[in-house]
Each structure stands twice: as C-alpha cells, then as structure tokens.
Amino acid sequence: MNSNTRLQMILNDTPIDTVLRAIAQLNLPNWWLAGGAVRNTVWSSIFGNECKLGIKDFDIAFFDIEGNRSQELAAKATLTEQFPHEQFDVKNQASFARWRTGSRLYTSTEDGITDWLHTATAVGVRLDAQSQWQFFTPYGLDDLFSGIIRPTPAHIDNVDAHNKATTFLQKCPYLRLA
C-alpha cells in the first residue's frame, strides 16, 4: 500500500472525512485541509489513547490573489454553522504576509504549506470535483507515520518550531525529535 492510500485509510471515518466534504462545497480556490488536524488524527490512530493530541482546529489554506479577509471569515462562518462544536482557521495564503508579521509572500497554497513549521504538519488533503482524495506532501509522509518531529528547512533554527515540538512531546510520549 502506498503512503497516500495509508493516509486516506487512517482519515476515513474521522471528523476529517466529514469536514473535507463541507470544505469542498465552499469552492475556495486551490484549497487544502492541512496542519494539526491531519497530523494529530494520524498520530492518535497510530499511537493510541496515550497520545493526547486531538483536533484543536481545522486549518484550511487556499490561494486567491484578489481575495480579502472577508472571504476567510465567510468560509469560517459557514463551516462553524455546520459544525458548531469545531474550530476553523481559514487563511488565504496570498494575503498571509500582509497581516502576519514576519511572513513572506507566498506564490501558491502549496508554497504556504511547504513553509509550515514541521514536516509532519505540512501535509494537505482535499477532495476534487469528483470527491476523489488528493494529497500534498512536500516532505513525504515518513515523518508523519513514524511520529518524527522535524522542522521544515526554513524553520530549523526557529524557536517557535522548537517550542511546538516540546508541546507535542509532552502530550504524546511516542514521538521523537529529528
């Protein structure tokens, strides 16, 4: 079984699967569900109940060069109405650097996700127009499946990456630092 198939099998019949279908209905341009929801669902599946990393929120990244913050807020409101007990973080990667100090301009959604703090977090999933799963895994899936916390190349010396890694280790003792 290839890594993408394994990832899909883990995420099927989880909140990820349900939320993906709702996100697809929003028709956000070049969107991906990525980050902690995907990572933590996989780690909880692999490492079991002793891994206390649940879904804090669903990180939805998209890219619309003409877009503005109201687009993010409208998508978040729609999803929150459908899933009132969940949190959503919807961000247009085209405008991210305009309001987030220290961020660089991104050229695509994938460029933004590739710049996230850890390789196991820089994993995106989405459904295409035919409801088929698609995957964006710029660093592969080995770290995710092995429970390895490795900073992405841009964040090797980033204190935020180090601090988050420490938090992950406190909540899931089976993880390892690279």
Protein backbone atom coordinates (compact mmCIF):
# COMPACT_ATOMS: atom_id res chain seq x y z
CA MET A 1 0.00 0.00 0.00
CA ASN A 2 1.39 3.42 -0.88
CA SER A 3 1.62 6.25 1.65
CA ASN A 4 -1.30 8.26 0.24
CA THR A 5 -3.59 5.24 0.42
CA ARG A 6 -2.48 4.61 4.00
CA LEU A 7 -3.18 8.25 4.91
CA GLN A 8 -6.64 8.11 3.35
CA MET A 9 -7.45 4.88 5.18
CA ILE A 10 -6.49 6.49 8.51
CA LEU A 11 -8.53 9.64 7.81
CA ASN A 12 -11.64 7.86 6.51
CA ASP A 13 -14.50 7.75 9.00
CA THR A 14 -12.96 10.51 11.14
CA PRO A 15 -14.01 14.14 11.53
CA ILE A 16 -11.51 14.93 8.74
CA ASP A 17 -13.57 12.91 6.26
CA THR A 18 -16.79 14.74 7.20
CA VAL A 19 -15.26 18.22 7.24
CA LEU A 20 -13.50 17.68 3.89
CA ARG A 21 -16.86 17.27 2.17
CA ALA A 22 -18.10 20.55 3.65
CA ILE A 23 -14.93 22.42 2.71
CA ALA A 24 -15.21 21.18 -0.87
CA GLN A 25 -18.67 22.78 -1.09
CA LEU A 26 -17.18 26.21 -0.33
CA ASN A 27 -15.37 26.29 -3.70
CA LEU A 28 -12.33 28.06 -2.27
CA PRO A 29 -9.60 28.34 -4.90
CA ASN A 30 -6.78 25.81 -4.60
CA TRP A 31 -7.69 24.82 -1.04
CA TRP A 32 -6.13 22.20 1.23
CA LEU A 33 -7.00 20.98 4.70
CA ALA A 34 -3.63 20.66 6.38
CA GLY A 35 -1.81 21.04 9.65
CA GLY A 36 -2.64 19.81 13.11
CA ALA A 37 -6.00 18.19 12.40
CA VAL A 38 -4.43 15.85 9.85
CA ARG A 39 -1.24 15.30 11.86
CA ASN A 40 -2.98 14.69 15.19
CA THR A 41 -5.60 12.36 13.70
CA VAL A 42 -2.82 10.24 12.23
CA TRP A 43 -0.74 10.25 15.41
CA SER A 44 -3.76 9.37 17.56
CA SER A 45 -4.57 6.50 15.21
CA ILE A 46 -1.01 5.16 15.25
CA PHE A 47 -0.09 5.77 18.90
CA GLY A 48 -3.48 5.30 20.56
CA ASN A 49 -5.10 6.87 23.60
CA GLU A 50 -1.82 7.77 25.29
CA CYS A 51 -1.25 10.33 22.54
CA LYS A 52 -3.24 13.32 23.81
CA LEU A 53 -3.01 15.43 20.63
CA GLY A 54 -6.57 15.93 19.47
CA ILE A 55 -8.02 18.22 16.84
CA LYS A 56 -7.78 21.77 18.15
CA ASP A 57 -8.93 23.28 14.88
CA PHE A 58 -9.11 22.62 11.16
CA ASP A 59 -6.50 24.59 9.19
CA ILE A 60 -7.80 25.41 5.73
CA ALA A 61 -5.37 27.09 3.38
CA PHE A 62 -6.33 28.48 -0.02
CA PHE A 63 -4.93 30.94 -2.56
CA ASP A 64 -6.79 33.84 -4.12
CA ILE A 65 -4.61 36.76 -5.20
CA GLU A 66 -7.69 39.01 -5.40
CA GLY A 67 -9.15 37.77 -2.12
CA ASN A 68 -9.51 39.58 1.17
CA ARG A 69 -10.11 38.73 4.82
CA SER A 70 -13.91 38.74 4.36
CA GLN A 71 -13.53 35.63 2.18
CA GLU A 72 -11.79 33.86 5.06
CA LEU A 73 -14.41 35.00 7.56
CA ALA A 74 -17.32 33.91 5.35
CA ALA A 75 -15.85 30.42 4.89
CA LYS A 76 -15.19 30.13 8.61
CA ALA A 77 -18.76 31.24 9.43
CA THR A 78 -20.27 28.72 7.02
CA LEU A 79 -18.22 25.86 8.46
CA THR A 80 -18.89 26.93 12.06
CA GLU A 81 -22.62 26.94 11.34
CA GLN A 82 -22.41 23.37 10.02
CA PHE A 83 -20.07 22.18 12.78
CA PRO A 84 -20.76 24.37 15.83
CA HIS A 85 -18.51 22.34 18.14
CA GLU A 86 -15.43 22.64 15.91
CA GLN A 87 -12.92 25.45 15.35
CA PHE A 88 -11.78 26.53 11.88
CA ASP A 89 -8.75 28.53 10.83
CA VAL A 90 -9.24 29.60 7.20
CA LYS A 91 -6.34 31.52 5.67
CA ASN A 92 -5.72 32.90 2.19
CA GLN A 93 -2.04 32.23 1.59
CA ALA A 94 -1.95 35.07 -0.98
CA SER A 95 -2.63 37.68 1.70
CA PHE A 96 -1.00 36.00 4.69
CA ALA A 97 2.11 38.20 4.68
CA ARG A 98 0.02 41.37 4.60
CA TRP A 99 -1.23 40.89 8.14
CA ARG A 100 1.15 38.35 9.74
CA THR A 101 4.39 40.00 10.79
CA GLY A 102 7.49 38.18 9.63
CA SER A 103 5.77 36.09 6.97
CA ARG A 104 6.99 36.11 3.41
CA LEU A 105 4.77 36.41 0.35
CA TYR A 106 3.54 33.05 -0.91
CA THR A 107 3.04 32.22 -4.58
CA SER A 108 0.52 29.41 -4.03
CA THR A 109 -1.26 27.45 -1.34
CA GLU A 110 1.39 24.78 -1.66
CA ASP A 111 4.15 27.36 -1.16
CA GLY A 112 2.49 28.42 2.09
CA ILE A 113 2.04 24.87 3.40
CA THR A 114 5.64 23.99 2.49
CA ASP A 115 6.72 26.83 4.81
CA TRP A 116 4.86 25.47 7.86
CA LEU A 117 6.95 24.65 10.94
CA HIS A 118 7.23 20.84 10.79
CA THR A 119 7.32 18.22 8.04
CA ALA A 120 4.54 16.18 9.68
CA THR A 121 2.35 19.30 9.74
CA ALA A 122 2.99 20.25 6.11
CA VAL A 123 0.55 17.63 4.83
CA GLY A 124 -2.55 18.62 2.87
CA VAL A 125 -5.63 16.67 1.86
CA ARG A 126 -8.65 17.66 -0.19
CA LEU A 127 -11.40 16.31 -2.40
CA ASP A 128 -11.51 17.07 -6.10
CA ALA A 129 -14.70 17.81 -8.07
CA GLN A 130 -15.42 14.06 -8.26
CA SER A 131 -14.94 13.63 -4.48
CA GLN A 132 -11.64 11.83 -5.02
CA TRP A 133 -8.96 12.37 -2.40
CA GLN A 134 -5.89 14.40 -3.34
CA PHE A 135 -2.71 14.81 -1.32
CA PHE A 136 0.01 17.43 -0.99
CA THR A 137 3.03 16.07 0.86
CA PRO A 138 6.12 18.19 0.08
CA TYR A 139 8.26 16.30 2.60
CA GLY A 140 6.65 12.90 2.15
CA LEU A 141 4.78 11.03 4.86
CA ASP A 142 7.56 9.05 6.57
CA ASP A 143 7.93 11.54 9.43
CA LEU A 144 4.17 11.66 9.96
CA PHE A 145 3.81 7.88 10.08
CA SER A 146 6.91 7.45 12.25
CA GLY A 147 6.00 10.14 14.78
CA ILE A 148 9.04 12.23 13.97
CA ILE A 149 9.00 15.95 14.72
CA ARG A 150 11.33 17.57 12.20
CA PRO A 151 11.39 21.28 11.39
CA THR A 152 11.00 22.18 7.75
CA PRO A 153 14.17 23.60 6.15
CA ALA A 154 13.07 27.22 6.68
CA HIS A 155 12.47 26.62 10.39
CA ILE A 156 15.46 24.60 11.58
CA ASP A 157 16.55 27.37 13.96
CA ASN A 158 13.07 28.75 14.68
CA VAL A 159 12.26 28.96 18.40
CA ASP A 160 8.53 28.57 17.63
CA ALA A 161 9.22 25.24 15.92
CA HIS A 162 11.24 24.11 18.94
CA ASN A 163 8.54 25.21 21.42
CA LYS A 164 5.77 23.46 19.49
CA ALA A 165 7.87 20.30 19.32
CA THR A 166 8.24 20.39 23.11
CA THR A 167 4.46 20.66 23.47
CA PHE A 168 3.94 17.70 21.13
CA LEU A 169 6.35 15.56 23.13
CA GLN A 170 4.59 16.41 26.40
CA LYS A 171 1.25 15.27 25.00
CA CYS A 172 2.41 12.22 23.04
CA PRO A 173 5.35 10.30 24.55
CA TYR A 174 5.83 8.13 21.47
CA LEU A 175 7.01 11.00 19.28
CA ARG A 176 10.67 11.65 18.57
CA LEU A 177 12.67 14.73 17.61
CA ALA A 178 14.72 14.57 14.42
